């Protein structure tokens, strides 16, 4: 699947925003190792391997490998873990955790498979079903409004949607932010022009179009 198609199918245009502050504060956490290496890196928030792998696989469905690396190769899982651990407030972390648990339970129920047995195709189908462009815009809007509430609703069905869609929207935003803010993608696959540039102590003004 082309990355552009994958992003379109999961509703990247449905109001996703990634703040500049989030990009800049977490870039250092995103190196280019292709997979989780627990001997070289230990997560701060996603400490359960099964959940960490699930989140990594979801991110890879959002930003799959094509002619350029995907989310796994860009080490996006490190960004997600660090962002939640360091940037989220305690109540936001608790909501993220409940959302992750709700998401796992929902996908296992819908796909009839254990977490470790879920394929990339099943994960992608799940994302397209719940946050894809095929979902009616009115439903999208209702889910956005519900997941934007500070407190979970009392109704059990709405409470499930509150945690599920809040989590999926967070993963989508974090995956995209971590991908484009990663060292691998930023330096090797984008027009990398660091600002400020390298220090140049002595510059010959003669022959240059400088005005004083």
C-alpha atoms as a PDB file:
ATOM      1  CA  UNK A   1       0.000   0.000   0.000  1.00  0.00           C
ATOM      2  CA  UNK A   2       1.290   3.466  -0.865  1.00  0.00           C
ATOM      3  CA  UNK A   3       1.857   5.628   2.197  1.00  0.00           C
ATOM      4  CA  UNK A   4      -0.318   8.386   0.762  1.00  0.00           C
ATOM      5  CA  UNK A   5      -3.190   5.913   0.405  1.00  0.00           C
ATOM      6  CA  UNK A   6      -2.641   4.534   3.887  1.00  0.00           C
ATOM      7  CA  UNK A   7      -2.719   8.000   5.432  1.00  0.00           C
ATOM      8  CA  UNK A   8      -5.806   8.921   3.441  1.00  0.00           C
ATOM      9  CA  UNK A   9      -7.638   5.746   4.442  1.00  0.00           C
ATOM     10  CA  UNK A  10      -7.125   6.291   8.166  1.00  0.00           C
ATOM     11  CA  UNK A  11      -8.353   9.857   7.999  1.00  0.00           C
ATOM     12  CA  UNK A  12      -5.203  11.913   8.274  1.00  0.00           C
ATOM     13  CA  UNK A  13      -7.224  14.872   7.071  1.00  0.00           C
ATOM     14  CA  UNK A  14      -9.701  14.566   9.906  1.00  0.00           C
ATOM     15  CA  UNK A  15      -8.310  17.296  12.114  1.00  0.00           C
ATOM     16  CA  UNK A  16      -4.979  15.808  13.182  1.00  0.00           C
ATOM     17  CA  UNK A  17      -2.535  18.324  14.597  1.00  0.00           C
ATOM     18  CA  UNK A  18       0.969  17.899  15.962  1.00  0.00           C
ATOM     19  CA  UNK A  19       2.417  20.818  17.866  1.00  0.00           C
ATOM     20  CA  UNK A  20       5.830  22.222  17.049  1.00  0.00           C
ATOM     21  CA  UNK A  21       6.751  21.962  20.702  1.00  0.00           C
ATOM     22  CA  UNK A  22       6.042  18.251  20.700  1.00  0.00           C
ATOM     23  CA  UNK A  23       8.218  17.804  17.620  1.00  0.00           C
ATOM     24  CA  UNK A  24      11.182  19.697  19.004  1.00  0.00           C
ATOM     25  CA  UNK A  25      11.101  18.391  22.551  1.00  0.00           C
ATOM     26  CA  UNK A  26      10.995  14.742  21.545  1.00  0.00           C
ATOM     27  CA  UNK A  27      13.198  14.599  18.419  1.00  0.00           C
ATOM     28  CA  UNK A  28      16.136  13.410  20.497  1.00  0.00           C
ATOM     29  CA  UNK A  29      14.167  10.312  21.480  1.00  0.00           C
ATOM     30  CA  UNK A  30      13.681   9.146  17.896  1.00  0.00           C
ATOM     31  CA  UNK A  31      16.721   7.344  16.560  1.00  0.00           C
ATOM     32  CA  UNK A  32      16.890   5.136  13.517  1.00  0.00           C
ATOM     33  CA  UNK A  33      17.024   1.619  14.930  1.00  0.00           C
ATOM     34  CA  UNK A  34      14.455  -0.455  12.994  1.00  0.00           C
ATOM     35  CA  UNK A  35      12.981  -2.489  15.853  1.00  0.00           C
ATOM     36  CA  UNK A  36      12.615  -2.477  19.607  1.00  0.00           C
ATOM     37  CA  UNK A  37      15.914  -3.337  21.265  1.00  0.00           C
ATOM     38  CA  UNK A  38      15.304  -3.672  24.974  1.00  0.00           C
ATOM     39  CA  UNK A  39      19.022  -4.078  25.702  1.00  0.00           C
ATOM     40  CA  UNK A  40      19.794  -0.636  24.259  1.00  0.00           C
ATOM     41  CA  UNK A  41      16.577   1.142  25.190  1.00  0.00           C
ATOM     42  CA  UNK A  42      14.061   0.708  27.985  1.00  0.00           C
ATOM     43  CA  UNK A  43      10.563   2.210  27.710  1.00  0.00           C
ATOM     44  CA  UNK A  44       9.335   4.594  30.359  1.00  0.00           C
ATOM     45  CA  UNK A  45       5.591   4.144  29.897  1.00  0.00           C
ATOM     46  CA  UNK A  46       4.847   1.157  27.638  1.00  0.00           C
ATOM     47  CA  UNK A  47       6.565  -1.377  29.863  1.00  0.00           C
ATOM     48  CA  UNK A  48       4.522  -4.415  28.766  1.00  0.00           C
ATOM     49  CA  UNK A  49       6.077  -5.966  25.654  1.00  0.00           C
ATOM     50  CA  UNK A  50       2.773  -7.109  24.144  1.00  0.00           C
ATOM     51  CA  UNK A  51       1.243  -3.644  24.439  1.00  0.00           C
ATOM     52  CA  UNK A  52       4.415  -1.960  23.197  1.00  0.00           C
ATOM     53  CA  UNK A  53       4.527  -4.220  20.134  1.00  0.00           C
ATOM     54  CA  UNK A  54       0.834  -3.568  19.467  1.00  0.00           C
ATOM     55  CA  UNK A  55       1.336   0.209  19.569  1.00  0.00           C
ATOM     56  CA  UNK A  56       4.394  -0.088  17.323  1.00  0.00           C
ATOM     57  CA  UNK A  57       2.442  -2.158  14.804  1.00  0.00           C
ATOM     58  CA  UNK A  58      -0.425   0.349  14.812  1.00  0.00           C
ATOM     59  CA  UNK A  59       2.033   3.166  14.125  1.00  0.00           C
ATOM     60  CA  UNK A  60       3.538   1.150  11.284  1.00  0.00           C
ATOM     61  CA  UNK A  61       0.094   0.752   9.711  1.00  0.00           C
ATOM     62  CA  UNK A  62      -0.344   4.512   9.872  1.00  0.00           C
ATOM     63  CA  UNK A  63       3.112   5.212   8.410  1.00  0.00           C
ATOM     64  CA  UNK A  64       3.995   2.019   6.469  1.00  0.00           C
ATOM     65  CA  UNK A  65       7.240   1.398   4.645  1.00  0.00           C
ATOM     66  CA  UNK A  66       7.166   2.123   0.911  1.00  0.00           C
ATOM     67  CA  UNK A  67      10.114   3.505  -1.026  1.00  0.00           C
ATOM     68  CA  UNK A  68      11.110   5.126   2.259  1.00  0.00           C
ATOM     69  CA  UNK A  69      11.258   3.567   5.754  1.00  0.00           C
ATOM     70  CA  UNK A  70       8.136   3.031   7.826  1.00  0.00           C
ATOM     71  CA  UNK A  71       7.372   3.888  11.439  1.00  0.00           C
ATOM     72  CA  UNK A  72       9.167   0.808  12.786  1.00  0.00           C
ATOM     73  CA  UNK A  73      12.379   1.608  10.961  1.00  0.00           C
ATOM     74  CA  UNK A  74      12.195   5.224  12.106  1.00  0.00           C
ATOM     75  CA  UNK A  75      11.940   4.140  15.751  1.00  0.00           C
ATOM     76  CA  UNK A  76       8.603   5.899  16.239  1.00  0.00           C
ATOM     77  CA  UNK A  77       7.723   3.690  19.215  1.00  0.00           C
ATOM     78  CA  UNK A  78      10.439   5.484  21.202  1.00  0.00           C
ATOM     79  CA  UNK A  79       8.872   8.842  20.426  1.00  0.00           C
ATOM     80  CA  UNK A  80       5.409   7.631  21.417  1.00  0.00           C
ATOM     81  CA  UNK A  81       6.642   6.153  24.689  1.00  0.00           C
ATOM     82  CA  UNK A  82       8.706   9.228  25.577  1.00  0.00           C
ATOM     83  CA  UNK A  83       5.935  11.648  24.624  1.00  0.00           C
ATOM     84  CA  UNK A  84       3.343   9.915  26.802  1.00  0.00           C
ATOM     85  CA  UNK A  85       5.797   9.482  29.677  1.00  0.00           C
ATOM     86  CA  UNK A  86       7.156  13.039  29.648  1.00  0.00           C
ATOM     87  CA  UNK A  87       4.577  15.294  28.014  1.00  0.00           C
ATOM     88  CA  UNK A  88       1.258  13.836  29.148  1.00  0.00           C
ATOM     89  CA  UNK A  89      -0.245  14.832  32.470  1.00  0.00           C
ATOM     90  CA  UNK A  90      -1.001  11.988  34.918  1.00  0.00           C
ATOM     91  CA  UNK A  91      -4.705  12.037  34.048  1.00  0.00           C
ATOM     92  CA  UNK A  92      -3.842  11.966  30.325  1.00  0.00           C
ATOM     93  CA  UNK A  93      -1.526   9.022  30.880  1.00  0.00           C
ATOM     94  CA  UNK A  94      -4.297   7.174  32.695  1.00  0.00           C
ATOM     95  CA  UNK A  95      -6.694   7.870  29.847  1.00  0.00           C
ATOM     96  CA  UNK A  96      -4.105   6.700  27.297  1.00  0.00           C
ATOM     97  CA  UNK A  97      -3.630   3.473  29.267  1.00  0.00           C
ATOM     98  CA  UNK A  98      -7.372   2.830  29.472  1.00  0.00           C
ATOM     99  CA  UNK A  99      -7.694   3.661  25.791  1.00  0.00           C
ATOM    100  CA  UNK A 100      -4.966   1.180  24.921  1.00  0.00           C
ATOM    101  CA  UNK A 101      -6.671  -1.545  26.956  1.00  0.00           C
ATOM    102  CA  UNK A 102     -10.024  -0.725  25.344  1.00  0.00           C
ATOM    103  CA  UNK A 103      -8.476  -0.781  21.885  1.00  0.00           C
ATOM    104  CA  UNK A 104      -6.862  -4.175  22.465  1.00  0.00           C
ATOM    105  CA  UNK A 105     -10.094  -5.670  23.790  1.00  0.00           C
ATOM    106  CA  UNK A 106     -12.099  -4.216  20.876  1.00  0.00           C
ATOM    107  CA  UNK A 107      -9.806  -5.425  18.111  1.00  0.00           C
ATOM    108  CA  UNK A 108      -9.526  -8.902  19.623  1.00  0.00           C
ATOM    109  CA  UNK A 109     -13.312  -9.108  19.803  1.00  0.00           C
ATOM    110  CA  UNK A 110     -13.850  -7.833  16.258  1.00  0.00           C
ATOM    111  CA  UNK A 111     -11.077  -9.828  14.609  1.00  0.00           C
ATOM    112  CA  UNK A 112     -11.513 -12.983  16.702  1.00  0.00           C
ATOM    113  CA  UNK A 113      -7.763 -13.292  17.234  1.00  0.00           C
ATOM    114  CA  UNK A 114      -5.264 -13.002  20.038  1.00  0.00           C
ATOM    115  CA  UNK A 115      -3.107  -9.900  20.161  1.00  0.00           C
ATOM    116  CA  UNK A 116       0.058 -11.683  19.029  1.00  0.00           C
ATOM    117  CA  UNK A 117      -1.755 -13.244  16.052  1.00  0.00           C
ATOM    118  CA  UNK A 118      -3.096 -10.030  14.527  1.00  0.00           C
ATOM    119  CA  UNK A 119      -1.746  -9.332  11.050  1.00  0.00           C
ATOM    120  CA  UNK A 120      -0.941  -5.984   9.499  1.00  0.00           C
ATOM    121  CA  UNK A 121      -3.979  -6.345   7.267  1.00  0.00           C
ATOM    122  CA  UNK A 122      -6.236  -6.845  10.301  1.00  0.00           C
ATOM    123  CA  UNK A 123      -4.756  -3.837  12.074  1.00  0.00           C
ATOM    124  CA  UNK A 124      -5.173  -1.667   8.984  1.00  0.00           C
ATOM    125  CA  UNK A 125      -8.769  -2.841   8.524  1.00  0.00           C
ATOM    126  CA  UNK A 126      -9.457  -1.981  12.165  1.00  0.00           C
ATOM    127  CA  UNK A 127      -8.061   1.533  11.742  1.00  0.00           C
ATOM    128  CA  UNK A 128     -10.009   2.106   8.547  1.00  0.00           C
ATOM    129  CA  UNK A 129     -13.218   0.908  10.182  1.00  0.00           C
ATOM    130  CA  UNK A 130     -12.951   3.194  13.189  1.00  0.00           C
ATOM    131  CA  UNK A 131     -11.089   6.303  12.014  1.00  0.00           C
ATOM    132  CA  UNK A 132     -10.990   5.859   8.250  1.00  0.00           C
ATOM    133  CA  UNK A 133     -12.395   8.128   5.589  1.00  0.00           C
ATOM    134  CA  UNK A 134     -15.118   5.586   4.874  1.00  0.00           C
ATOM    135  CA  UNK A 135     -16.802   6.459   8.156  1.00  0.00           C
ATOM    136  CA  UNK A 136     -19.622   8.979   7.827  1.00  0.00           C
ATOM    137  CA  UNK A 137     -18.489  12.514   8.645  1.00  0.00           C
ATOM    138  CA  UNK A 138     -21.296  12.980  11.178  1.00  0.00           C
ATOM    139  CA  UNK A 139     -20.066   9.902  13.042  1.00  0.00           C
ATOM    140  CA  UNK A 140     -16.504  11.228  12.896  1.00  0.00           C
ATOM    141  CA  UNK A 141     -17.656  14.537  14.306  1.00  0.00           C
ATOM    142  CA  UNK A 142     -19.629  12.887  17.114  1.00  0.00           C
ATOM    143  CA  UNK A 143     -16.615  10.752  18.043  1.00  0.00           C
ATOM    144  CA  UNK A 144     -14.278  13.747  17.992  1.00  0.00           C
ATOM    145  CA  UNK A 145     -16.636  15.692  20.221  1.00  0.00           C
ATOM    146  CA  UNK A 146     -17.021  12.773  22.616  1.00  0.00           C
ATOM    147  CA  UNK A 147     -13.298  12.024  22.818  1.00  0.00           C
ATOM    148  CA  UNK A 148     -12.581  15.718  23.378  1.00  0.00           C
ATOM    149  CA  UNK A 149     -14.509  15.785  26.658  1.00  0.00           C
ATOM    150  CA  UNK A 150     -12.402  16.095  29.806  1.00  0.00           C
ATOM    151  CA  UNK A 151     -14.443  13.578  31.769  1.00  0.00           C
ATOM    152  CA  UNK A 152     -15.667  10.163  30.547  1.00  0.00           C
ATOM    153  CA  UNK A 153     -19.435   9.825  30.112  1.00  0.00           C
ATOM    154  CA  UNK A 154     -21.534   7.727  32.470  1.00  0.00           C
ATOM    155  CA  UNK A 155     -23.091   5.606  29.717  1.00  0.00           C
ATOM    156  CA  UNK A 156     -21.038   2.405  29.246  1.00  0.00           C
ATOM    157  CA  UNK A 157     -21.193   2.393  25.425  1.00  0.00           C
ATOM    158  CA  UNK A 158     -20.187   6.035  25.205  1.00  0.00           C
ATOM    159  CA  UNK A 159     -17.462   5.454  27.758  1.00  0.00           C
ATOM    160  CA  UNK A 160     -15.974   2.755  25.521  1.00  0.00           C
ATOM    161  CA  UNK A 161     -16.007   5.127  22.541  1.00  0.00           C
ATOM    162  CA  UNK A 162     -14.538   7.886  24.698  1.00  0.00           C
ATOM    163  CA  UNK A 163     -11.446   5.833  25.510  1.00  0.00           C
ATOM    164  CA  UNK A 164     -11.162   4.050  22.155  1.00  0.00           C
ATOM    165  CA  UNK A 165     -11.321   7.082  19.880  1.00  0.00           C
ATOM    166  CA  UNK A 166      -9.284   9.256  22.193  1.00  0.00           C
ATOM    167  CA  UNK A 167      -6.548   6.614  22.065  1.00  0.00           C
ATOM    168  CA  UNK A 168      -6.705   6.096  18.296  1.00  0.00           C
ATOM    169  CA  UNK A 169      -6.512   9.829  17.624  1.00  0.00           C
ATOM    170  CA  UNK A 170      -3.547  10.120  19.991  1.00  0.00           C
ATOM    171  CA  UNK A 171      -1.719   7.257  18.275  1.00  0.00           C
ATOM    172  CA  UNK A 172      -2.371   8.764  14.859  1.00  0.00           C
ATOM    173  CA  UNK A 173      -1.031  12.160  15.902  1.00  0.00           C
ATOM    174  CA  UNK A 174       1.975  10.718  17.754  1.00  0.00           C
ATOM    175  CA  UNK A 175       2.869   8.345  14.922  1.00  0.00           C
ATOM    176  CA  UNK A 176       2.909  11.135  12.356  1.00  0.00           C
ATOM    177  CA  UNK A 177       4.785  13.510  14.650  1.00  0.00           C
ATOM    178  CA  UNK A 178       7.355  10.889  15.607  1.00  0.00           C
ATOM    179  CA  UNK A 179       7.868   9.828  12.009  1.00  0.00           C
ATOM    180  CA  UNK A 180       8.567  13.240  10.518  1.00  0.00           C
ATOM    181  CA  UNK A 181      10.525  14.324  13.577  1.00  0.00           C
ATOM    182  CA  UNK A 182      12.790  11.271  13.566  1.00  0.00           C
ATOM    183  CA  UNK A 183      16.489  11.494  12.831  1.00  0.00           C
ATOM    184  CA  UNK A 184      16.295   8.878  10.086  1.00  0.00           C
ATOM    185  CA  UNK A 185      13.516  10.564   8.115  1.00  0.00           C
ATOM    186  CA  UNK A 186      14.553  14.140   8.824  1.00  0.00           C
ATOM    187  CA  UNK A 187      18.182  13.767   7.817  1.00  0.00           C
ATOM    188  CA  UNK A 188      18.101  11.053   5.161  1.00  0.00           C
ATOM    189  CA  UNK A 189      14.734  11.337   3.436  1.00  0.00           C
ATOM    190  CA  UNK A 190      13.726  14.983   3.712  1.00  0.00           C
ATOM    191  CA  UNK A 191      15.282  18.282   2.695  1.00  0.00           C
ATOM    192  CA  UNK A 192      17.322  18.558   5.881  1.00  0.00           C
ATOM    193  CA  UNK A 193      18.502  22.100   6.536  1.00  0.00           C
ATOM    194  CA  UNK A 194      19.294  22.604  10.233  1.00  0.00           C
ATOM    195  CA  UNK A 195      18.611  26.030  11.686  1.00  0.00           C
ATOM    196  CA  UNK A 196      20.757  27.625  12.920  1.00  0.00           C
ATOM    197  CA  UNK A 197      23.416  26.362  10.532  1.00  0.00           C
ATOM    198  CA  UNK A 198      27.054  25.582  11.354  1.00  0.00           C
ATOM    199  CA  UNK A 199      29.147  28.329  12.935  1.00  0.00           C
ATOM    200  CA  UNK A 200      31.433  30.124  10.480  1.00  0.00           C
ATOM    201  CA  UNK A 201      33.771  32.487  12.285  1.00  0.00           C
ATOM    202  CA  UNK A 202      35.546  34.017   9.325  1.00  0.00           C
ATOM    203  CA  UNK A 203      33.618  34.862   6.166  1.00  0.00           C
ATOM    204  CA  UNK A 204      35.144  36.763   3.279  1.00  0.00           C
ATOM    205  CA  UNK A 205      32.700  39.541   2.409  1.00  0.00           C
ATOM    206  CA  UNK A 206      34.555  40.434  -0.771  1.00  0.00           C
ATOM    207  CA  UNK A 207      32.746  39.101  -3.809  1.00  0.00           C
ATOM    208  CA  UNK A 208      29.593  38.339  -1.794  1.00  0.00           C
ATOM    209  CA  UNK A 209      26.356  40.278  -2.071  1.00  0.00           C
ATOM    210  CA  UNK A 210      26.274  41.422   1.530  1.00  0.00           C
ATOM    211  CA  UNK A 211      25.054  44.863   2.491  1.00  0.00           C
ATOM    212  CA  UNK A 212      26.029  46.553   5.739  1.00  0.00           C
END
